[in-house]
């Protein structure tokens, strides 16, 4: 019997198969829909349509009392006021992901942080969307002075910001009260990482080959 390293077994693997044709079938305000024909080898060619997305980052901000910072936004596609964590698109050319995360924390929660680590990486919906997401853990929080706070508008106007004990947030996830995927992953990953004395955290500039721009 062969014994496998469980870390090696449980690891996704990038597979850049040949793309024989590609076209944009819809150009949107933020992202496009593309149609590609990909060669699966013995399985032949298949054509798939998916949303082409710039990727995004988010911030699990944890204060000294182990409270996670949540914001509430209206999300029209699901007709819901969702509790989320600060997040934003990687849409500024040349901006490193951790700097984007820091900017979003400043703009959406009026906070800056002393310590940054990579907490988790994931794909939002890989069956129809190529969005790669990275969640950062931010600690050592400081309030931004009022005169330096970002002027919020649109869905962010009057956006509630709440600090929730991590256990309370975990319980809300487990009873099905929180539905935002990024917030769910962030809460559970933060709780799990804390249980392991933060030994699972990665440097803020850890490799991110899952995002096409950082391969």
Protein backbone atom coordinates (compact mmCIF):
# COMPACT_ATOMS: atom_id res chain seq x y z
CA UNK A 1 0.00 0.00 0.00
CA UNK A 2 1.29 3.45 -0.94
CA UNK A 3 0.98 6.15 1.72
CA UNK A 4 0.41 9.61 0.26
CA UNK A 5 1.19 12.91 1.89
CA UNK A 6 -2.31 14.31 2.60
CA UNK A 7 -1.11 17.85 1.88
CA UNK A 8 -0.02 16.77 -1.59
CA UNK A 9 -3.27 14.87 -2.21
CA UNK A 10 -5.47 17.79 -1.17
CA UNK A 11 -4.05 20.45 -3.47
CA UNK A 12 -5.61 21.99 -6.56
CA UNK A 13 -3.43 22.03 -9.65
CA UNK A 14 -3.35 24.62 -12.42
CA UNK A 15 -3.97 23.03 -15.83
CA UNK A 16 -3.53 25.44 -18.75
CA UNK A 17 -5.13 23.48 -21.59
CA UNK A 18 -4.96 24.70 -25.22
CA UNK A 19 -7.63 27.27 -26.12
CA UNK A 20 -8.43 27.05 -29.84
CA UNK A 21 -10.76 30.03 -30.05
CA UNK A 22 -11.87 32.89 -27.82
CA UNK A 23 -14.23 35.82 -28.28
CA UNK A 24 -15.97 38.43 -26.18
CA UNK A 25 -19.71 37.96 -26.53
CA UNK A 26 -20.71 40.75 -24.14
CA UNK A 27 -18.82 43.79 -22.88
CA UNK A 28 -20.15 44.90 -19.53
CA UNK A 29 -19.69 47.87 -17.24
CA UNK A 30 -17.21 46.03 -15.01
CA UNK A 31 -16.66 42.57 -16.54
CA UNK A 32 -17.18 40.77 -19.84
CA UNK A 33 -18.67 37.47 -20.93
CA UNK A 34 -16.32 35.42 -23.10
CA UNK A 35 -16.76 32.23 -25.13
CA UNK A 36 -13.81 29.85 -25.44
CA UNK A 37 -13.27 26.49 -27.10
CA UNK A 38 -10.79 24.42 -25.10
CA UNK A 39 -9.05 21.16 -25.99
CA UNK A 40 -9.59 18.49 -23.29
CA UNK A 41 -7.39 15.95 -25.03
CA UNK A 42 -9.05 12.52 -25.13
CA UNK A 43 -12.37 14.13 -24.14
CA UNK A 44 -12.31 16.34 -27.24
CA UNK A 45 -13.16 20.02 -27.51
CA UNK A 46 -15.80 21.85 -25.49
CA UNK A 47 -17.09 25.40 -25.71
CA UNK A 48 -17.78 27.32 -22.54
CA UNK A 49 -19.01 30.82 -21.76
CA UNK A 50 -17.94 32.52 -18.55
CA UNK A 51 -17.61 35.92 -16.89
CA UNK A 52 -14.12 37.39 -17.25
CA UNK A 53 -13.31 39.11 -13.97
CA UNK A 54 -10.30 41.18 -12.79
CA UNK A 55 -10.21 39.40 -9.43
CA UNK A 56 -10.64 40.92 -6.00
CA UNK A 57 -9.30 41.08 -2.47
CA UNK A 58 -11.01 41.32 0.89
CA UNK A 59 -10.04 41.97 4.50
CA UNK A 60 -10.80 40.01 7.64
CA UNK A 61 -10.01 42.79 10.10
CA UNK A 62 -9.69 41.54 13.68
CA UNK A 63 -9.35 43.93 16.61
CA UNK A 64 -7.63 43.37 19.97
CA UNK A 65 -10.86 42.01 21.46
CA UNK A 66 -11.09 39.35 18.71
CA UNK A 67 -13.97 41.10 17.01
CA UNK A 68 -14.20 40.89 13.23
CA UNK A 69 -15.21 43.99 11.27
CA UNK A 70 -18.35 43.53 9.16
CA UNK A 71 -20.03 45.98 6.81
CA UNK A 72 -23.56 45.83 5.44
CA UNK A 73 -24.28 46.47 1.76
CA UNK A 74 -27.30 46.12 -0.50
CA UNK A 75 -26.64 43.57 -3.26
CA UNK A 76 -29.23 43.99 -5.98
CA UNK A 77 -28.79 40.66 -7.85
CA UNK A 78 -29.83 38.77 -4.68
CA UNK A 79 -32.11 41.53 -3.34
CA UNK A 80 -30.41 41.41 0.05
CA UNK A 81 -28.70 43.55 2.64
CA UNK A 82 -25.65 41.38 3.25
CA UNK A 83 -23.16 41.44 6.08
CA UNK A 84 -19.76 41.30 4.39
CA UNK A 85 -16.12 42.17 4.99
CA UNK A 86 -14.35 45.08 3.26
CA UNK A 87 -13.46 44.09 -0.30
CA UNK A 88 -12.72 45.50 -3.71
CA UNK A 89 -11.78 44.76 -7.29
CA UNK A 90 -8.18 44.53 -8.46
CA UNK A 91 -8.85 47.23 -11.02
CA UNK A 92 -5.97 49.67 -10.41
CA UNK A 93 -3.09 48.84 -12.80
CA UNK A 94 0.13 47.99 -10.96
CA UNK A 95 -1.41 48.08 -7.47
CA UNK A 96 -0.25 45.08 -5.37
CA UNK A 97 -3.11 43.03 -3.90
CA UNK A 98 -2.21 43.93 -0.28
CA UNK A 99 -2.25 47.63 -1.10
CA UNK A 100 -5.68 47.25 -2.67
CA UNK A 101 -6.83 45.48 0.49
CA UNK A 102 -5.46 48.28 2.69
CA UNK A 103 -7.18 50.87 0.51
CA UNK A 104 -10.52 49.06 0.77
CA UNK A 105 -10.20 48.75 4.56
CA UNK A 106 -9.59 52.49 4.73
CA UNK A 107 -12.42 53.40 2.35
CA UNK A 108 -15.11 51.00 3.60
CA UNK A 109 -14.39 50.70 7.33
CA UNK A 110 -12.35 53.84 8.16
CA UNK A 111 -9.51 51.66 9.48
CA UNK A 112 -5.80 51.09 8.95
CA UNK A 113 -3.87 48.04 10.16
CA UNK A 114 -0.31 47.43 11.35
CA UNK A 115 -0.10 43.72 10.52
CA UNK A 116 -1.12 41.96 7.32
CA UNK A 117 -1.12 38.29 6.30
CA UNK A 118 -2.74 36.13 3.64
CA UNK A 119 -5.57 34.18 5.24
CA UNK A 120 -7.23 32.29 2.36
CA UNK A 121 -7.49 32.07 -1.44
CA UNK A 122 -10.45 30.78 -3.43
CA UNK A 123 -12.41 30.94 -6.69
CA UNK A 124 -15.84 32.56 -6.35
CA UNK A 125 -17.72 30.34 -8.80
CA UNK A 126 -15.32 28.45 -11.08
CA UNK A 127 -18.08 26.89 -13.17
CA UNK A 128 -18.98 30.23 -14.74
CA UNK A 129 -16.64 32.93 -13.42
CA UNK A 130 -12.84 33.22 -13.47
CA UNK A 131 -12.70 35.51 -10.41
CA UNK A 132 -9.79 34.70 -8.09
CA UNK A 133 -10.22 36.01 -4.54
CA UNK A 134 -7.64 36.56 -1.81
CA UNK A 135 -8.61 37.23 1.81
CA UNK A 136 -6.12 39.09 3.98
CA UNK A 137 -6.08 39.07 7.77
CA UNK A 138 -5.48 42.55 9.16
CA UNK A 139 -4.65 43.20 12.82
CA UNK A 140 -3.41 46.10 14.87
CA UNK A 141 -6.35 48.27 13.84
CA UNK A 142 -6.48 52.06 14.15
CA UNK A 143 -9.39 54.37 13.37
CA UNK A 144 -8.86 56.79 10.49
CA UNK A 145 -9.25 60.42 11.64
CA UNK A 146 -12.59 61.91 10.63
CA UNK A 147 -11.05 64.43 8.22
CA UNK A 148 -9.23 61.62 6.38
CA UNK A 149 -12.22 59.31 6.02
CA UNK A 150 -13.44 58.32 2.58
CA UNK A 151 -16.65 59.95 1.29
CA UNK A 152 -18.91 56.98 0.54
CA UNK A 153 -21.73 57.03 -2.03
CA UNK A 154 -24.11 54.78 -4.01
CA UNK A 155 -24.61 51.43 -2.22
CA UNK A 156 -21.95 52.43 0.32
CA UNK A 157 -23.74 55.61 1.43
CA UNK A 158 -24.57 55.28 5.13
CA UNK A 159 -23.12 51.77 5.16
CA UNK A 160 -23.24 50.24 8.67
CA UNK A 161 -19.92 49.05 10.11
CA UNK A 162 -20.01 46.63 13.02
CA UNK A 163 -17.42 44.81 15.13
CA UNK A 164 -18.70 41.34 15.96
CA UNK A 165 -17.08 38.84 18.37
CA UNK A 166 -15.51 36.12 16.26
CA UNK A 167 -17.47 33.33 17.98
CA UNK A 168 -20.74 35.19 17.37
CA UNK A 169 -19.87 35.59 13.69
CA UNK A 170 -18.96 31.89 13.47
CA UNK A 171 -22.29 30.92 15.03
CA UNK A 172 -24.16 33.16 12.57
CA UNK A 173 -22.43 31.36 9.69
CA UNK A 174 -23.24 27.91 11.06
CA UNK A 175 -26.92 28.67 11.63
CA UNK A 176 -27.27 29.97 8.05
CA UNK A 177 -27.72 33.64 8.90
CA UNK A 178 -24.80 34.93 6.79
CA UNK A 179 -24.75 34.21 3.07
CA UNK A 180 -21.91 36.20 1.57
CA UNK A 181 -19.31 33.61 0.50
CA UNK A 182 -16.32 35.81 1.24
CA UNK A 183 -17.59 36.64 4.72
CA UNK A 184 -18.37 32.99 5.44
CA UNK A 185 -14.89 31.86 4.37
CA UNK A 186 -13.22 34.73 6.22
CA UNK A 187 -15.04 34.08 9.50
CA UNK A 188 -14.41 30.32 9.48
CA UNK A 189 -10.81 30.66 8.29
CA UNK A 190 -10.03 33.32 10.91
CA UNK A 191 -11.52 31.19 13.65
CA UNK A 192 -9.59 28.10 12.48
CA UNK A 193 -6.33 30.03 12.12
CA UNK A 194 -6.67 31.44 15.63
CA UNK A 195 -7.23 27.91 16.96
CA UNK A 196 -3.86 26.99 15.43
CA UNK A 197 -2.13 30.01 17.00
CA UNK A 198 -1.97 31.74 13.61
CA UNK A 199 0.57 29.19 12.33
CA UNK A 200 -1.32 28.83 9.05
CA UNK A 201 -0.94 32.48 8.00
CA UNK A 202 1.15 33.37 4.95
CA UNK A 203 3.15 36.53 4.19
CA UNK A 204 1.18 39.36 2.64
CA UNK A 205 3.10 38.92 -0.63
CA UNK A 206 2.74 35.12 -0.79
CA UNK A 207 2.63 33.69 -4.34
CA UNK A 208 -0.80 33.74 -5.98
CA UNK A 209 -0.55 31.78 -9.25
CA UNK A 210 -4.31 31.15 -9.31
CA UNK A 211 -4.77 34.75 -10.41
CA UNK A 212 -3.77 35.10 -14.09
CA UNK A 213 -1.94 38.38 -13.46
CA UNK A 214 0.40 36.82 -10.87
CA UNK A 215 1.42 33.55 -12.53
